[in-house]
Amino acid sequence: MVLLVLAPSTSGAPARLPSPAADVVVAPFSVDRDSAGVLRALADTCLDHLINGLKTKGIAVERRPELSEKKLDAARPAHWALLGRLAHEAGQFQAELRLLGVESGEELRSYFDADKNPAAIIKFGELAAVRIANLIEEQKGSHRAQ
């Protein structure tokens, strides 16, 4: 007979519980031609607003920097992945978000905005979060039914 006894942690740090599975996994936005770091800062702020908007709608979100279209498996076990891109062309900021099915790799939705005002691009993250959350909730219902 083998008896295992678990000793309490002596490190003083609370035990870390596994986080609940994410509904959607997000990667940092890719940015084009950004020598001054302006696009990176704007992309990160837009992403923060997107994530906060999704969480407000009850969607479990996890960030994974290694996630990309070529490395979609990095999003598992989540069902959905969000990839974004930010560029500055012809005097406008251009933001694109793509919601992908992790299993199929299929693009489920694409969201796009272009504006001269960076504040509008930040707002894009919030507005897209509402639509993405609604779609994920709808899709979650169909995943449960299967």
N, C-alpha and C. Protein backbone atom coordinates (compact mmCIF):
# COMPACT_ATOMS: atom_id res chain seq x y z
N MET A 1 0.85 -1.18 0.00
CA MET A 1 0.00 0.00 0.00
C MET A 1 0.89 1.24 0.00
N VAL A 2 0.53 2.19 -0.85
CA VAL A 2 1.28 3.42 -0.95
C VAL A 2 0.40 4.54 -0.47
N LEU A 3 0.91 5.34 0.41
CA LEU A 3 0.17 6.47 0.95
C LEU A 3 0.87 7.74 0.56
N LEU A 4 0.14 8.61 -0.11
CA LEU A 4 0.70 9.90 -0.51
C LEU A 4 0.14 10.97 0.41
N VAL A 5 1.00 11.79 0.92
CA VAL A 5 0.59 12.90 1.77
C VAL A 5 1.03 14.18 1.10
N LEU A 6 0.09 15.07 0.89
CA LEU A 6 0.43 16.36 0.29
C LEU A 6 0.71 17.35 1.39
N ALA A 7 1.89 17.90 1.38
CA ALA A 7 2.26 18.88 2.38
C ALA A 7 1.80 20.25 1.93
N PRO A 8 1.37 21.09 2.87
CA PRO A 8 0.99 22.44 2.47
C PRO A 8 2.21 23.21 1.96
N SER A 9 1.94 24.13 1.08
CA SER A 9 3.00 24.94 0.50
C SER A 9 3.64 25.80 1.57
N THR A 10 4.95 25.87 1.54
CA THR A 10 5.65 26.71 2.51
C THR A 10 6.12 28.02 1.88
N SER A 11 5.78 28.21 0.60
CA SER A 11 6.27 29.41 -0.08
C SER A 11 5.48 30.65 0.30
N GLY A 12 4.33 30.48 0.89
CA GLY A 12 3.50 31.63 1.24
C GLY A 12 2.63 32.08 0.10
N ALA A 13 2.90 31.60 -1.11
CA ALA A 13 2.08 31.98 -2.27
C ALA A 13 0.86 31.06 -2.34
N PRO A 14 -0.29 31.62 -2.68
CA PRO A 14 -1.47 30.78 -2.80
C PRO A 14 -1.31 29.79 -3.95
N ALA A 15 -1.96 28.63 -3.81
CA ALA A 15 -1.90 27.63 -4.87
C ALA A 15 -2.55 28.21 -6.12
N ARG A 16 -1.94 27.93 -7.26
CA ARG A 16 -2.46 28.44 -8.52
C ARG A 16 -3.41 27.42 -9.12
N LEU A 17 -4.64 27.84 -9.33
CA LEU A 17 -5.63 26.96 -9.93
C LEU A 17 -5.60 27.15 -11.43
N PRO A 18 -5.91 26.08 -12.20
CA PRO A 18 -5.93 26.25 -13.64
C PRO A 18 -7.04 27.23 -14.04
N SER A 19 -6.76 28.04 -15.05
CA SER A 19 -7.76 29.00 -15.48
C SER A 19 -8.82 28.28 -16.31
N PRO A 20 -10.05 28.81 -16.30
CA PRO A 20 -11.08 28.18 -17.10
C PRO A 20 -10.73 28.28 -18.58
N ALA A 21 -11.22 27.33 -19.34
CA ALA A 21 -10.93 27.34 -20.77
C ALA A 21 -11.44 28.62 -21.41
N ALA A 22 -10.64 29.17 -22.28
CA ALA A 22 -11.02 30.39 -22.97
C ALA A 22 -12.00 30.06 -24.09
N ASP A 23 -12.96 30.96 -24.30
CA ASP A 23 -13.84 30.85 -25.46
C ASP A 23 -13.08 31.24 -26.71
N VAL A 24 -12.31 32.31 -26.58
CA VAL A 24 -11.58 32.85 -27.72
C VAL A 24 -10.16 33.20 -27.28
N VAL A 25 -9.21 32.95 -28.18
CA VAL A 25 -7.81 33.28 -27.93
C VAL A 25 -7.43 34.40 -28.90
N VAL A 26 -6.72 35.39 -28.39
CA VAL A 26 -6.32 36.53 -29.22
C VAL A 26 -4.80 36.63 -29.27
N ALA A 27 -4.34 37.11 -30.40
CA ALA A 27 -2.91 37.39 -30.60
C ALA A 27 -2.74 38.89 -30.67
N PRO A 28 -1.55 39.39 -30.36
CA PRO A 28 -1.30 40.82 -30.58
C PRO A 28 -1.52 41.15 -32.05
N PHE A 29 -2.02 42.34 -32.32
CA PHE A 29 -2.21 42.77 -33.70
C PHE A 29 -0.86 42.79 -34.41
N SER A 30 -0.86 42.43 -35.67
CA SER A 30 0.34 42.66 -36.47
C SER A 30 0.29 44.12 -36.92
N VAL A 31 1.46 44.72 -37.06
CA VAL A 31 1.53 46.12 -37.50
C VAL A 31 2.49 46.22 -38.68
N ASP A 32 2.19 47.16 -39.56
CA ASP A 32 3.01 47.38 -40.75
C ASP A 32 3.83 48.65 -40.60
N ARG A 33 5.08 48.61 -41.03
CA ARG A 33 5.96 49.79 -41.09
C ARG A 33 5.77 50.73 -39.90
N ASP A 34 6.37 50.37 -38.78
CA ASP A 34 6.15 51.12 -37.54
C ASP A 34 7.47 51.45 -36.87
N SER A 35 8.29 52.28 -37.50
CA SER A 35 9.61 52.56 -36.97
C SER A 35 9.56 53.34 -35.65
N ALA A 36 8.54 54.15 -35.43
CA ALA A 36 8.47 54.96 -34.21
C ALA A 36 7.69 54.28 -33.09
N GLY A 37 7.08 53.13 -33.35
CA GLY A 37 6.32 52.44 -32.31
C GLY A 37 4.92 52.98 -32.10
N VAL A 38 4.49 53.92 -32.93
CA VAL A 38 3.16 54.53 -32.78
C VAL A 38 2.06 53.51 -33.07
N LEU A 39 2.22 52.76 -34.15
CA LEU A 39 1.20 51.77 -34.50
C LEU A 39 1.11 50.66 -33.45
N ARG A 40 2.27 50.24 -32.93
CA ARG A 40 2.26 49.18 -31.92
C ARG A 40 1.47 49.63 -30.70
N ALA A 41 1.70 50.87 -30.25
CA ALA A 41 0.98 51.39 -29.08
C ALA A 41 -0.52 51.47 -29.36
N LEU A 42 -0.89 51.94 -30.54
CA LEU A 42 -2.30 52.03 -30.90
C LEU A 42 -2.92 50.64 -31.02
N ALA A 43 -2.20 49.71 -31.63
CA ALA A 43 -2.69 48.33 -31.77
C ALA A 43 -2.90 47.69 -30.40
N ASP A 44 -1.97 47.88 -29.49
CA ASP A 44 -2.10 47.30 -28.15
C ASP A 44 -3.27 47.90 -27.39
N THR A 45 -3.50 49.19 -27.55
CA THR A 45 -4.63 49.84 -26.88
C THR A 45 -5.96 49.34 -27.47
N CYS A 46 -6.01 49.22 -28.78
CA CYS A 46 -7.21 48.71 -29.44
C CYS A 46 -7.49 47.28 -28.97
N LEU A 47 -6.45 46.46 -28.87
CA LEU A 47 -6.60 45.08 -28.41
C LEU A 47 -7.09 45.03 -26.97
N ASP A 48 -6.55 45.90 -26.12
CA ASP A 48 -7.02 45.96 -24.72
C ASP A 48 -8.51 46.28 -24.65
N HIS A 49 -8.96 47.22 -25.48
CA HIS A 49 -10.38 47.58 -25.50
C HIS A 49 -11.23 46.43 -26.04
N LEU A 50 -10.72 45.73 -27.02
CA LEU A 50 -11.42 44.56 -27.55
C LEU A 50 -11.57 43.49 -26.47
N ILE A 51 -10.49 43.18 -25.80
CA ILE A 51 -10.52 42.14 -24.76
C ILE A 51 -11.44 42.53 -23.62
N ASN A 52 -11.34 43.78 -23.16
CA ASN A 52 -12.22 44.24 -22.08
C ASN A 52 -13.68 44.19 -22.50
N GLY A 53 -13.95 44.56 -23.75
CA GLY A 53 -15.32 44.50 -24.26
C GLY A 53 -15.86 43.08 -24.30
N LEU A 54 -15.03 42.13 -24.72
CA LEU A 54 -15.44 40.73 -24.75
C LEU A 54 -15.70 40.21 -23.34
N LYS A 55 -14.80 40.53 -22.42
CA LYS A 55 -14.96 40.08 -21.04
C LYS A 55 -16.22 40.66 -20.41
N THR A 56 -16.52 41.92 -20.72
CA THR A 56 -17.73 42.55 -20.21
C THR A 56 -18.97 41.80 -20.68
N LYS A 57 -18.90 41.23 -21.87
CA LYS A 57 -20.02 40.47 -22.44
C LYS A 57 -20.02 39.01 -21.98
N GLY A 58 -19.10 38.66 -21.08
CA GLY A 58 -19.08 37.30 -20.53
C GLY A 58 -18.29 36.29 -21.35
N ILE A 59 -17.47 36.77 -22.25
CA ILE A 59 -16.65 35.87 -23.08
C ILE A 59 -15.29 35.68 -22.40
N ALA A 60 -14.89 34.43 -22.21
CA ALA A 60 -13.58 34.12 -21.62
C ALA A 60 -12.51 34.30 -22.70
N VAL A 61 -11.54 35.15 -22.42
CA VAL A 61 -10.52 35.52 -23.40
C VAL A 61 -9.14 35.20 -22.83
N GLU A 62 -8.28 34.71 -23.71
CA GLU A 62 -6.89 34.47 -23.32
C GLU A 62 -5.98 35.03 -24.41
N ARG A 63 -4.90 35.68 -23.99
CA ARG A 63 -3.90 36.19 -24.94
C ARG A 63 -2.84 35.12 -25.15
N ARG A 64 -2.47 34.93 -26.41
CA ARG A 64 -1.36 34.03 -26.73
C ARG A 64 -0.53 34.66 -27.84
N PRO A 65 0.62 35.23 -27.47
CA PRO A 65 1.46 35.91 -28.46
C PRO A 65 1.94 35.01 -29.58
N GLU A 66 2.02 33.70 -29.34
CA GLU A 66 2.52 32.79 -30.37
C GLU A 66 1.46 32.45 -31.42
N LEU A 67 0.23 32.85 -31.19
CA LEU A 67 -0.87 32.56 -32.12
C LEU A 67 -0.69 33.33 -33.43
N SER A 68 -0.90 32.65 -34.53
CA SER A 68 -0.91 33.28 -35.85
C SER A 68 -1.76 32.40 -36.76
N GLU A 69 -2.00 32.86 -37.96
CA GLU A 69 -2.80 32.07 -38.90
C GLU A 69 -2.11 30.74 -39.21
N LYS A 70 -0.77 30.76 -39.26
CA LYS A 70 -0.02 29.53 -39.52
C LYS A 70 0.09 28.65 -38.29
N LYS A 71 -0.10 29.24 -37.12
CA LYS A 71 -0.01 28.50 -35.85
C LYS A 71 -1.35 28.56 -35.12
N LEU A 72 -2.42 28.25 -35.81
CA LEU A 72 -3.76 28.31 -35.25
C LEU A 72 -3.96 27.28 -34.14
N ASP A 73 -3.21 26.19 -34.20
CA ASP A 73 -3.31 25.17 -33.14
C ASP A 73 -2.93 25.72 -31.77
N ALA A 74 -2.20 26.83 -31.74
CA ALA A 74 -1.82 27.45 -30.47
C ALA A 74 -3.04 27.94 -29.70
N ALA A 75 -4.18 28.05 -30.38
CA ALA A 75 -5.40 28.52 -29.72
C ALA A 75 -6.15 27.39 -29.01
N ARG A 76 -5.80 26.15 -29.28
CA ARG A 76 -6.52 25.03 -28.65
C ARG A 76 -6.37 25.06 -27.15
N PRO A 77 -7.37 24.71 -26.39
CA PRO A 77 -8.62 24.06 -26.76
C PRO A 77 -9.76 25.03 -27.09
N ALA A 78 -9.48 26.31 -27.23
CA ALA A 78 -10.54 27.26 -27.57
C ALA A 78 -11.12 26.93 -28.94
N HIS A 79 -12.35 27.33 -29.16
CA HIS A 79 -13.01 27.10 -30.46
C HIS A 79 -12.72 28.21 -31.45
N TRP A 80 -12.39 29.43 -30.94
CA TRP A 80 -12.24 30.59 -31.81
C TRP A 80 -10.93 31.31 -31.55
N ALA A 81 -10.41 31.93 -32.59
CA ALA A 81 -9.20 32.73 -32.49
C ALA A 81 -9.45 34.07 -33.16
N LEU A 82 -8.87 35.11 -32.60
CA LEU A 82 -8.98 36.46 -33.16
C LEU A 82 -7.60 36.94 -33.56
N LEU A 83 -7.47 37.32 -34.83
CA LEU A 83 -6.23 37.88 -35.34
C LEU A 83 -6.52 39.28 -35.84
N GLY A 84 -5.62 40.20 -35.56
CA GLY A 84 -5.83 41.58 -35.97
C GLY A 84 -4.61 42.15 -36.68
N ARG A 85 -4.86 43.21 -37.41
CA ARG A 85 -3.79 43.88 -38.16
C ARG A 85 -4.07 45.38 -38.12
N LEU A 86 -3.02 46.17 -37.99
CA LEU A 86 -3.15 47.62 -38.01
C LEU A 86 -2.09 48.18 -38.94
N ALA A 87 -2.52 49.09 -39.81
CA ALA A 87 -1.60 49.73 -40.75
C ALA A 87 -1.94 51.22 -40.83
N HIS A 88 -1.02 51.99 -41.37
CA HIS A 88 -1.26 53.41 -41.62
C HIS A 88 -0.91 53.65 -43.08
N GLU A 89 -1.95 53.85 -43.89
CA GLU A 89 -1.77 54.02 -45.33
C GLU A 89 -2.64 55.17 -45.81
N ALA A 90 -2.14 55.93 -46.74
CA ALA A 90 -2.87 57.05 -47.36
C ALA A 90 -3.47 57.98 -46.30
N GLY A 91 -2.71 58.22 -45.23
CA GLY A 91 -3.16 59.15 -44.20
C GLY A 91 -4.23 58.62 -43.26
N GLN A 92 -4.51 57.32 -43.34
CA GLN A 92 -5.54 56.73 -42.46
C GLN A 92 -4.97 55.53 -41.72
N PHE A 93 -5.50 55.34 -40.51
CA PHE A 93 -5.25 54.11 -39.78
C PHE A 93 -6.25 53.09 -40.29
N GLN A 94 -5.77 51.87 -40.56
CA GLN A 94 -6.64 50.81 -41.05
C GLN A 94 -6.51 49.61 -40.12
N ALA A 95 -7.63 49.22 -39.53
CA ALA A 95 -7.64 48.10 -38.60
C ALA A 95 -8.53 46.99 -39.15
N GLU A 96 -8.05 45.77 -39.00
CA GLU A 96 -8.82 44.60 -39.42
C GLU A 96 -8.77 43.55 -38.32
N LEU A 97 -9.91 42.94 -38.05
CA LEU A 97 -10.01 41.83 -37.12
C LEU A 97 -10.61 40.64 -37.86
N ARG A 98 -10.07 39.47 -37.61
CA ARG A 98 -10.60 38.25 -38.23
C ARG A 98 -10.89 37.23 -37.15
N LEU A 99 -12.13 36.75 -37.12
CA LEU A 99 -12.53 35.69 -36.20
C LEU A 99 -12.46 34.38 -36.97
N LEU A 100 -11.63 33.47 -36.47
CA LEU A 100 -11.40 32.19 -37.13
C LEU A 100 -11.89 31.04 -36.28
N GLY A 101 -12.40 30.00 -36.91
CA GLY A 101 -12.70 28.75 -36.22
C GLY A 101 -11.40 27.98 -36.08
N VAL A 102 -11.04 27.62 -34.87
CA VAL A 102 -9.76 26.94 -34.64
C VAL A 102 -9.75 25.56 -35.30
N GLU A 103 -10.83 24.83 -35.18
CA GLU A 103 -10.90 23.48 -35.74
C GLU A 103 -10.76 23.48 -37.26
N SER A 104 -11.50 24.36 -37.91
CA SER A 104 -11.55 24.35 -39.38
C SER A 104 -10.55 25.31 -40.02
N GLY A 105 -10.12 26.33 -39.29
CA GLY A 105 -9.28 27.37 -39.88
C GLY A 105 -10.08 28.35 -40.71
N GLU A 106 -11.39 28.15 -40.75
CA GLU A 106 -12.27 28.99 -41.56
C GLU A 106 -12.44 30.38 -40.95
N GLU A 107 -12.44 31.39 -41.81
CA GLU A 107 -12.72 32.75 -41.36
C GLU A 107 -14.23 32.88 -41.21
N LEU A 108 -14.67 33.11 -39.97
CA LEU A 108 -16.10 33.22 -39.69
C LEU A 108 -16.61 34.63 -39.93
N ARG A 109 -15.81 35.61 -39.55
CA ARG A 109 -16.18 37.02 -39.74
C ARG A 109 -14.91 37.84 -39.87
N SER A 110 -15.05 38.94 -40.57
CA SER A 110 -13.96 39.90 -40.70
C SER A 110 -14.54 41.28 -40.43
N TYR A 111 -13.82 42.07 -39.66
CA TYR A 111 -14.26 43.42 -39.31
C TYR A 111 -13.16 44.38 -39.73
N PHE A 112 -13.56 45.51 -40.29
CA PHE A 112 -12.59 46.45 -40.83
C PHE A 112 -13.02 47.88 -40.50
N ASP A 113 -12.05 48.73 -40.22
CA ASP A 113 -12.33 50.14 -40.01
C ASP A 113 -11.11 50.94 -40.49
N ALA A 114 -11.39 52.11 -41.02
CA ALA A 114 -10.32 53.02 -41.44
C ALA A 114 -10.72 54.42 -41.03
N ASP A 115 -9.79 55.16 -40.44
CA ASP A 115 -10.08 56.51 -39.97
C ASP A 115 -8.77 57.25 -39.78
N LYS A 116 -8.83 58.56 -39.92
CA LYS A 116 -7.65 59.39 -39.68
C LYS A 116 -7.41 59.59 -38.19
N ASN A 117 -8.44 59.41 -37.40
CA ASN A 117 -8.38 59.65 -35.96
C ASN A 117 -8.05 58.36 -35.21
N PRO A 118 -6.95 58.32 -34.47
CA PRO A 118 -6.61 57.10 -33.73
C PRO A 118 -7.66 56.71 -32.70
N ALA A 119 -8.39 57.68 -32.15
CA ALA A 119 -9.43 57.37 -31.16
C ALA A 119 -10.53 56.50 -31.78
N ALA A 120 -10.80 56.70 -33.06
CA ALA A 120 -11.81 55.88 -33.74
C ALA A 120 -11.35 54.43 -33.86
N ILE A 121 -10.06 54.22 -34.00
CA ILE A 121 -9.52 52.87 -34.09
C ILE A 121 -9.61 52.18 -32.73
N ILE A 122 -9.36 52.92 -31.67
CA ILE A 122 -9.52 52.36 -30.32
C ILE A 122 -10.98 51.97 -30.11
N LYS A 123 -11.89 52.83 -30.51
CA LYS A 123 -13.32 52.56 -30.39
C LYS A 123 -13.73 51.34 -31.21
N PHE A 124 -13.04 51.12 -32.32
CA PHE A 124 -13.29 49.96 -33.18
C PHE A 124 -13.19 48.66 -32.37
N GLY A 125 -12.19 48.58 -31.48
CA GLY A 125 -12.04 47.39 -30.64
C GLY A 125 -13.26 47.16 -29.77
N GLU A 126 -13.79 48.22 -29.20
CA GLU A 126 -14.99 48.12 -28.35
C GLU A 126 -16.21 47.71 -29.16
N LEU A 127 -16.39 48.34 -30.31
CA LEU A 127 -17.56 48.04 -31.13
C LEU A 127 -17.51 46.63 -31.71
N ALA A 128 -16.34 46.21 -32.13
CA ALA A 128 -16.19 44.86 -32.66
C ALA A 128 -16.44 43.82 -31.57
N ALA A 129 -16.06 44.13 -30.34
CA ALA A 129 -16.26 43.19 -29.23
C ALA A 129 -17.73 42.81 -29.08
N VAL A 130 -18.63 43.78 -29.24
CA VAL A 130 -20.07 43.51 -29.10
C VAL A 130 -20.52 42.51 -30.15
N ARG A 131 -20.13 42.74 -31.40
CA ARG A 131 -20.53 41.84 -32.48
C ARG A 131 -19.89 40.46 -32.34
N ILE A 132 -18.63 40.44 -31.98
CA ILE A 132 -17.93 39.17 -31.82
C ILE A 132 -18.53 38.38 -30.67
N ALA A 133 -18.82 39.04 -29.56
CA ALA A 133 -19.42 38.36 -28.41
C ALA A 133 -20.76 37.75 -28.79
N ASN A 134 -21.58 38.49 -29.52
CA ASN A 134 -22.88 37.96 -29.94
C ASN A 134 -22.72 36.73 -30.82
N LEU A 135 -21.78 36.78 -31.75
CA LEU A 135 -21.55 35.63 -32.63
C LEU A 135 -21.04 34.43 -31.84
N ILE A 136 -20.12 34.66 -30.91
CA ILE A 136 -19.57 33.55 -30.12
C ILE A 136 -20.67 32.93 -29.27
N GLU A 137 -21.51 33.74 -28.66
CA GLU A 137 -22.61 33.19 -27.86
C GLU A 137 -23.54 32.35 -28.74
N GLU A 138 -23.83 32.83 -29.92
CA GLU A 138 -24.66 32.09 -30.86
C GLU A 138 -23.99 30.76 -31.24
N GLN A 139 -22.70 30.83 -31.54
CA GLN A 139 -21.94 29.63 -31.92
C GLN A 139 -21.80 28.65 -30.75
N LYS A 140 -21.63 29.17 -29.55
CA LYS A 140 -21.52 28.31 -28.36
C LYS A 140 -22.78 27.48 -28.22
N GLY A 141 -23.92 28.07 -28.49
CA GLY A 141 -25.18 27.34 -28.42
C GLY A 141 -25.20 26.18 -29.41
N SER A 142 -24.66 26.38 -30.61
CA SER A 142 -24.66 25.31 -31.60
C SER A 142 -23.62 24.24 -31.24
N HIS A 143 -22.51 24.63 -30.57
CA HIS A 143 -21.52 23.63 -30.13
C HIS A 143 -22.10 22.75 -29.03
N ARG A 144 -22.91 23.34 -28.14
CA ARG A 144 -23.52 22.56 -27.06
C ARG A 144 -24.54 21.58 -27.61
N ALA A 145 -25.23 21.98 -28.67
CA ALA A 145 -26.29 21.15 -29.23
C ALA A 145 -25.74 19.92 -29.95
N GLN A 146 -24.46 19.94 -30.32
CA GLN A 146 -23.87 18.82 -31.07
C GLN A 146 -23.53 17.67 -30.19
